[in-house]
């Protein structure tokens, strides 16, 4: 069992930056593929970024490429999402997720993920 707790969300002006953190419980964190997803009001949850268990492979949604960076620190059981050049359309609840087995090298399919955090709100004002 893995428990995930996100933090770092908030209100920021367009063009600003935020860094989200996701702290995981359990001693097997380093074995999990990790992902960040987001859900805006009235929309489906969508993939944002994913990272392999080692951190050696990452993937991003086209909408955030070049602006967001996913990273992990397995010694701290934590995955991060650095978000720069934020836009109003980035406004959403952001969730981190853990997958025991990643069936896709894109890390994008929601169904690959076994554990989810409660989410943290990110609001970008124009």
N, C-alpha and C. Protein backbone atom coordinates (compact mmCIF):
# COMPACT_ATOMS: atom_id res chain seq x y z
N UNK A 1 0.84 -1.19 0.00
CA UNK A 1 0.00 0.00 0.00
C UNK A 1 0.88 1.25 0.00
N UNK A 2 0.51 2.21 -0.82
CA UNK A 2 1.24 3.46 -0.91
C UNK A 2 0.26 4.60 -0.67
N UNK A 3 0.63 5.51 0.18
CA UNK A 3 -0.17 6.72 0.38
C UNK A 3 0.58 7.90 -0.18
N UNK A 4 -0.14 8.76 -0.89
CA UNK A 4 0.46 9.90 -1.57
C UNK A 4 -0.18 11.19 -1.07
N UNK A 5 0.66 12.17 -0.76
CA UNK A 5 0.16 13.45 -0.27
C UNK A 5 0.81 14.56 -1.08
N UNK A 6 -0.02 15.30 -1.81
CA UNK A 6 0.48 16.41 -2.61
C UNK A 6 0.50 17.70 -1.79
N UNK A 7 1.41 18.60 -2.17
CA UNK A 7 1.47 19.92 -1.56
C UNK A 7 2.09 20.88 -2.57
N UNK A 8 1.97 22.18 -2.26
CA UNK A 8 2.61 23.18 -3.09
C UNK A 8 1.68 23.94 -4.02
N UNK A 9 0.42 23.56 -4.06
CA UNK A 9 -0.51 24.28 -4.91
C UNK A 9 -0.81 25.66 -4.36
N UNK A 10 -1.52 26.46 -5.16
CA UNK A 10 -1.89 27.79 -4.71
C UNK A 10 -2.34 28.66 -5.86
N UNK A 11 -2.39 29.95 -5.58
CA UNK A 11 -2.80 30.95 -6.56
C UNK A 11 -1.56 31.69 -7.06
N UNK A 12 -1.44 31.78 -8.38
CA UNK A 12 -0.29 32.45 -8.97
C UNK A 12 -0.74 33.20 -10.21
N UNK A 13 -0.05 34.27 -10.52
CA UNK A 13 -0.38 35.03 -11.73
C UNK A 13 0.20 34.33 -12.96
N UNK A 14 -0.41 34.59 -14.08
CA UNK A 14 0.10 34.04 -15.34
C UNK A 14 1.56 34.44 -15.52
N UNK A 15 2.36 33.48 -15.97
CA UNK A 15 3.79 33.70 -16.13
C UNK A 15 4.60 33.30 -14.92
N UNK A 16 3.92 33.04 -13.82
CA UNK A 16 4.61 32.66 -12.59
C UNK A 16 4.95 31.19 -12.53
N UNK A 17 5.48 30.79 -11.37
CA UNK A 17 5.94 29.42 -11.17
C UNK A 17 5.41 28.85 -9.87
N UNK A 18 5.26 27.54 -9.87
CA UNK A 18 4.95 26.79 -8.66
C UNK A 18 5.71 25.48 -8.70
N UNK A 19 5.99 24.93 -7.52
CA UNK A 19 6.60 23.62 -7.43
C UNK A 19 5.72 22.72 -6.57
N UNK A 20 5.19 21.70 -7.19
CA UNK A 20 4.37 20.74 -6.47
C UNK A 20 5.25 19.60 -5.95
N UNK A 21 4.89 19.11 -4.79
CA UNK A 21 5.58 17.95 -4.22
C UNK A 21 4.56 16.87 -3.92
N UNK A 22 5.01 15.64 -4.00
CA UNK A 22 4.16 14.50 -3.67
C UNK A 22 5.00 13.56 -2.79
N UNK A 23 4.63 13.49 -1.53
CA UNK A 23 5.34 12.63 -0.59
C UNK A 23 4.64 11.28 -0.50
N UNK A 24 5.42 10.22 -0.61
CA UNK A 24 4.87 8.87 -0.60
C UNK A 24 5.30 8.11 0.63
N UNK A 25 4.38 7.34 1.14
CA UNK A 25 4.71 6.44 2.26
C UNK A 25 5.20 5.12 1.69
N UNK A 26 5.82 4.31 2.53
CA UNK A 26 6.23 2.98 2.09
C UNK A 26 7.69 2.92 1.67
N UNK A 27 8.24 1.72 1.80
CA UNK A 27 9.66 1.53 1.52
C UNK A 27 9.94 1.14 0.09
N UNK A 28 8.89 0.98 -0.72
CA UNK A 28 9.08 0.53 -2.10
C UNK A 28 8.85 1.64 -3.11
N UNK A 29 8.90 2.88 -2.66
CA UNK A 29 8.64 4.02 -3.55
C UNK A 29 9.52 3.96 -4.79
N UNK A 30 10.76 3.59 -4.63
CA UNK A 30 11.71 3.61 -5.75
C UNK A 30 11.35 2.62 -6.84
N UNK A 31 10.42 1.70 -6.58
CA UNK A 31 10.03 0.72 -7.59
C UNK A 31 8.87 1.20 -8.45
N UNK A 32 8.27 2.33 -8.09
CA UNK A 32 7.06 2.77 -8.76
C UNK A 32 7.34 3.80 -9.84
N UNK A 33 6.66 3.65 -10.97
CA UNK A 33 6.53 4.74 -11.91
C UNK A 33 5.61 5.78 -11.29
N UNK A 34 5.95 7.04 -11.46
CA UNK A 34 5.14 8.11 -10.87
C UNK A 34 4.62 9.03 -11.96
N UNK A 35 3.44 9.55 -11.72
CA UNK A 35 2.85 10.46 -12.70
C UNK A 35 2.15 11.63 -12.04
N UNK A 36 2.02 12.70 -12.78
CA UNK A 36 1.20 13.85 -12.38
C UNK A 36 0.06 13.97 -13.39
N UNK A 37 -1.13 14.18 -12.87
CA UNK A 37 -2.32 14.37 -13.68
C UNK A 37 -3.04 15.62 -13.18
N UNK A 38 -3.97 16.11 -13.97
CA UNK A 38 -4.75 17.26 -13.53
C UNK A 38 -6.18 17.15 -14.03
N UNK A 39 -7.07 17.82 -13.31
CA UNK A 39 -8.47 17.81 -13.69
C UNK A 39 -9.05 19.19 -13.46
N UNK A 40 -9.48 19.80 -14.56
CA UNK A 40 -10.13 21.11 -14.49
C UNK A 40 -11.63 20.90 -14.36
N UNK A 41 -12.34 21.90 -13.83
CA UNK A 41 -13.80 21.76 -13.67
C UNK A 41 -14.49 21.41 -14.98
N UNK A 42 -15.32 20.38 -14.94
CA UNK A 42 -16.07 19.98 -16.11
C UNK A 42 -15.29 19.20 -17.14
N UNK A 43 -14.04 18.88 -16.83
CA UNK A 43 -13.20 18.15 -17.78
C UNK A 43 -12.72 16.84 -17.18
N UNK A 44 -12.28 15.95 -18.05
CA UNK A 44 -11.75 14.68 -17.58
C UNK A 44 -10.33 14.86 -17.04
N UNK A 45 -9.94 13.94 -16.19
CA UNK A 45 -8.58 13.95 -15.68
C UNK A 45 -7.62 13.65 -16.83
N UNK A 46 -6.53 14.41 -16.89
CA UNK A 46 -5.60 14.25 -18.00
C UNK A 46 -4.16 14.12 -17.51
N UNK A 47 -3.39 13.43 -18.31
CA UNK A 47 -1.98 13.23 -18.04
C UNK A 47 -1.21 14.55 -18.19
N UNK A 48 -0.27 14.76 -17.27
CA UNK A 48 0.60 15.94 -17.34
C UNK A 48 2.05 15.51 -17.57
N UNK A 49 2.55 14.62 -16.69
CA UNK A 49 3.95 14.20 -16.78
C UNK A 49 4.13 12.87 -16.06
N UNK A 50 5.11 12.09 -16.52
CA UNK A 50 5.42 10.82 -15.88
C UNK A 50 6.91 10.60 -15.81
N UNK A 51 7.34 9.78 -14.86
CA UNK A 51 8.76 9.52 -14.66
C UNK A 51 8.96 8.07 -14.26
N UNK A 52 9.99 7.46 -14.79
CA UNK A 52 10.27 6.06 -14.50
C UNK A 52 10.77 5.89 -13.07
N UNK A 53 10.86 4.62 -12.62
CA UNK A 53 11.27 4.38 -11.25
C UNK A 53 12.65 4.94 -10.95
N UNK A 54 13.54 4.95 -11.93
CA UNK A 54 14.90 5.43 -11.72
C UNK A 54 15.05 6.92 -11.94
N UNK A 55 14.05 7.51 -12.57
CA UNK A 55 14.16 8.92 -12.94
C UNK A 55 14.84 9.13 -14.28
N UNK A 56 15.23 8.03 -14.91
CA UNK A 56 15.98 8.16 -16.15
C UNK A 56 15.15 8.41 -17.38
N UNK A 57 13.86 8.24 -17.24
CA UNK A 57 12.95 8.45 -18.37
C UNK A 57 11.77 9.29 -17.93
N UNK A 58 11.43 10.28 -18.74
CA UNK A 58 10.30 11.14 -18.45
C UNK A 58 9.47 11.35 -19.72
N UNK A 59 8.24 11.77 -19.52
CA UNK A 59 7.39 12.11 -20.65
C UNK A 59 6.43 13.19 -20.21
N UNK A 60 6.01 14.03 -21.16
CA UNK A 60 5.15 15.16 -20.86
C UNK A 60 4.01 15.27 -21.87
N UNK A 61 2.92 15.79 -21.40
CA UNK A 61 1.85 16.17 -22.32
C UNK A 61 2.34 17.32 -23.18
N UNK A 62 1.87 17.36 -24.41
CA UNK A 62 2.32 18.42 -25.32
C UNK A 62 2.04 19.81 -24.75
N UNK A 63 0.95 19.93 -24.01
CA UNK A 63 0.54 21.24 -23.50
C UNK A 63 1.49 21.81 -22.46
N UNK A 64 2.35 20.97 -21.88
CA UNK A 64 3.24 21.46 -20.82
C UNK A 64 4.71 21.30 -21.17
N UNK A 65 5.00 20.70 -22.29
CA UNK A 65 6.41 20.50 -22.67
C UNK A 65 7.15 21.83 -22.74
N UNK A 66 8.34 21.83 -22.17
CA UNK A 66 9.15 23.04 -22.16
C UNK A 66 8.83 23.98 -21.02
N UNK A 67 7.74 23.73 -20.30
CA UNK A 67 7.35 24.59 -19.17
C UNK A 67 7.39 23.84 -17.84
N UNK A 68 7.04 22.57 -17.85
CA UNK A 68 6.98 21.76 -16.63
C UNK A 68 8.13 20.76 -16.62
N UNK A 69 8.61 20.44 -15.42
CA UNK A 69 9.65 19.43 -15.26
C UNK A 69 9.29 18.51 -14.10
N UNK A 70 9.27 17.22 -14.38
CA UNK A 70 9.02 16.22 -13.33
C UNK A 70 10.37 15.65 -12.88
N UNK A 71 10.49 15.43 -11.58
CA UNK A 71 11.70 14.83 -11.05
C UNK A 71 11.33 14.03 -9.79
N UNK A 72 12.26 13.24 -9.31
CA UNK A 72 12.00 12.46 -8.11
C UNK A 72 13.27 12.32 -7.29
N UNK A 73 13.07 12.15 -6.00
CA UNK A 73 14.16 11.89 -5.08
C UNK A 73 13.78 10.63 -4.31
N UNK A 74 14.32 9.51 -4.72
CA UNK A 74 13.92 8.25 -4.10
C UNK A 74 14.37 8.13 -2.65
N UNK A 75 15.41 8.85 -2.30
CA UNK A 75 15.86 8.84 -0.90
C UNK A 75 14.85 9.54 0.01
N UNK A 76 14.10 10.47 -0.56
CA UNK A 76 13.10 11.22 0.20
C UNK A 76 11.68 10.77 -0.09
N UNK A 77 11.53 9.74 -0.92
CA UNK A 77 10.19 9.25 -1.27
C UNK A 77 9.31 10.37 -1.80
N UNK A 78 9.86 11.20 -2.65
CA UNK A 78 9.14 12.38 -3.11
C UNK A 78 9.31 12.56 -4.62
N UNK A 79 8.22 12.95 -5.25
CA UNK A 79 8.25 13.32 -6.66
C UNK A 79 7.81 14.78 -6.75
N UNK A 80 8.39 15.50 -7.70
CA UNK A 80 8.15 16.93 -7.83
C UNK A 80 7.62 17.26 -9.22
N UNK A 81 6.93 18.39 -9.29
CA UNK A 81 6.54 18.95 -10.58
C UNK A 81 6.83 20.44 -10.53
N UNK A 82 7.89 20.84 -11.21
CA UNK A 82 8.22 22.26 -11.33
C UNK A 82 7.44 22.84 -12.50
N UNK A 83 6.65 23.85 -12.22
CA UNK A 83 5.79 24.44 -13.24
C UNK A 83 6.18 25.89 -13.46
N UNK A 84 6.65 26.20 -14.64
CA UNK A 84 7.06 27.56 -15.00
C UNK A 84 6.17 28.11 -16.11
N UNK A 85 6.22 29.39 -16.28
CA UNK A 85 5.43 30.06 -17.34
C UNK A 85 3.97 29.61 -17.30
N UNK A 86 3.40 29.64 -16.14
CA UNK A 86 2.04 29.14 -15.97
C UNK A 86 1.03 29.98 -16.73
N UNK A 87 0.00 29.30 -17.22
CA UNK A 87 -1.07 29.93 -18.00
C UNK A 87 -2.40 29.70 -17.29
N UNK A 88 -3.37 30.55 -17.54
CA UNK A 88 -4.70 30.33 -16.92
C UNK A 88 -5.26 28.94 -17.24
N UNK A 89 -4.96 28.40 -18.39
CA UNK A 89 -5.47 27.08 -18.76
C UNK A 89 -4.80 25.94 -17.98
N UNK A 90 -3.78 26.26 -17.20
CA UNK A 90 -3.17 25.26 -16.31
C UNK A 90 -3.96 25.11 -15.01
N UNK A 91 -4.95 25.96 -14.80
CA UNK A 91 -5.76 25.89 -13.59
C UNK A 91 -6.47 24.56 -13.50
N UNK A 92 -6.27 23.85 -12.39
CA UNK A 92 -6.84 22.52 -12.20
C UNK A 92 -6.45 22.01 -10.82
N UNK A 93 -7.06 20.90 -10.45
CA UNK A 93 -6.57 20.13 -9.31
C UNK A 93 -5.52 19.17 -9.85
N UNK A 94 -4.37 19.18 -9.23
CA UNK A 94 -3.25 18.34 -9.67
C UNK A 94 -3.12 17.14 -8.73
N UNK A 95 -3.00 15.97 -9.33
CA UNK A 95 -2.89 14.72 -8.60
C UNK A 95 -1.59 14.01 -8.94
N UNK A 96 -0.96 13.42 -7.94
CA UNK A 96 0.13 12.51 -8.25
C UNK A 96 -0.39 11.08 -8.12
N UNK A 97 0.27 10.18 -8.82
CA UNK A 97 -0.16 8.80 -8.87
C UNK A 97 1.05 7.88 -8.97
N UNK A 98 0.88 6.66 -8.49
CA UNK A 98 1.97 5.67 -8.50
C UNK A 98 1.50 4.41 -9.20
N UNK A 99 2.38 3.86 -10.03
CA UNK A 99 2.07 2.64 -10.77
C UNK A 99 3.09 1.56 -10.43
N UNK A 100 2.59 0.39 -10.01
CA UNK A 100 3.51 -0.73 -9.74
C UNK A 100 4.17 -1.19 -11.03
N UNK A 101 3.36 -1.22 -12.08
CA UNK A 101 3.86 -1.67 -13.38
C UNK A 101 3.39 -0.68 -14.43
N UNK A 102 4.31 -0.15 -15.18
CA UNK A 102 3.94 0.78 -16.25
C UNK A 102 3.92 0.02 -17.55
N UNK A 103 2.74 -0.08 -18.16
CA UNK A 103 2.59 -0.83 -19.39
C UNK A 103 2.86 0.02 -20.61
N UNK A 104 2.99 1.30 -20.39
CA UNK A 104 3.21 2.21 -21.50
C UNK A 104 4.43 3.07 -21.23
N UNK A 105 5.26 3.23 -22.22
CA UNK A 105 6.44 4.08 -22.05
C UNK A 105 6.09 5.56 -22.03
N UNK A 106 4.84 5.88 -22.36
CA UNK A 106 4.41 7.27 -22.29
C UNK A 106 4.03 7.67 -20.87
N UNK A 107 3.75 6.65 -20.01
CA UNK A 107 3.31 6.86 -18.62
C UNK A 107 1.97 7.58 -18.54
N UNK A 108 1.26 7.65 -19.66
CA UNK A 108 0.05 8.47 -19.72
C UNK A 108 -1.26 7.79 -19.30
N UNK A 109 -1.44 6.50 -19.56
CA UNK A 109 -2.75 5.91 -19.26
C UNK A 109 -3.11 5.93 -17.79
N UNK A 110 -4.27 6.48 -17.48
CA UNK A 110 -4.70 6.56 -16.08
C UNK A 110 -4.83 5.17 -15.47
N UNK A 111 -5.29 4.23 -16.25
CA UNK A 111 -5.54 2.89 -15.73
C UNK A 111 -4.27 2.15 -15.31
N UNK A 112 -3.12 2.64 -15.70
CA UNK A 112 -1.86 2.02 -15.28
C UNK A 112 -1.54 2.29 -13.82
N UNK A 113 -2.19 3.30 -13.24
CA UNK A 113 -1.82 3.77 -11.91
C UNK A 113 -2.69 3.13 -10.83
N UNK A 114 -2.00 2.70 -9.77
CA UNK A 114 -2.67 1.96 -8.70
C UNK A 114 -3.04 2.83 -7.51
N UNK A 115 -2.30 3.87 -7.28
CA UNK A 115 -2.52 4.72 -6.10
C UNK A 115 -2.57 6.19 -6.52
N UNK A 116 -3.45 6.92 -5.85
CA UNK A 116 -3.67 8.33 -6.16
C UNK A 116 -3.66 9.16 -4.89
N UNK A 117 -3.15 10.39 -5.00
CA UNK A 117 -3.25 11.33 -3.91
C UNK A 117 -4.59 12.04 -3.94
N UNK A 118 -4.80 12.92 -2.97
CA UNK A 118 -6.06 13.66 -2.85
C UNK A 118 -6.11 14.88 -3.74
N UNK A 119 -4.97 15.33 -4.21
CA UNK A 119 -4.94 16.46 -5.12
C UNK A 119 -4.62 17.77 -4.43
N UNK A 120 -4.06 18.69 -5.21
CA UNK A 120 -3.79 20.05 -4.72
C UNK A 120 -4.22 21.04 -5.80
N UNK A 121 -4.89 22.10 -5.37
CA UNK A 121 -5.45 23.07 -6.32
C UNK A 121 -4.37 24.03 -6.81
N UNK A 122 -4.34 24.21 -8.12
CA UNK A 122 -3.49 25.23 -8.74
C UNK A 122 -4.40 26.17 -9.51
N UNK A 123 -4.32 27.45 -9.19
CA UNK A 123 -5.12 28.45 -9.86
C UNK A 123 -4.20 29.51 -10.44
N UNK A 124 -4.33 29.75 -11.74
CA UNK A 124 -3.50 30.72 -12.43
C UNK A 124 -4.39 31.85 -12.90
N UNK A 125 -4.14 33.04 -12.40
CA UNK A 125 -4.96 34.19 -12.77
C UNK A 125 -4.33 34.93 -13.95
N UNK A 126 -5.20 35.52 -14.75
CA UNK A 126 -4.73 36.22 -15.95
C UNK A 126 -4.45 37.68 -15.66
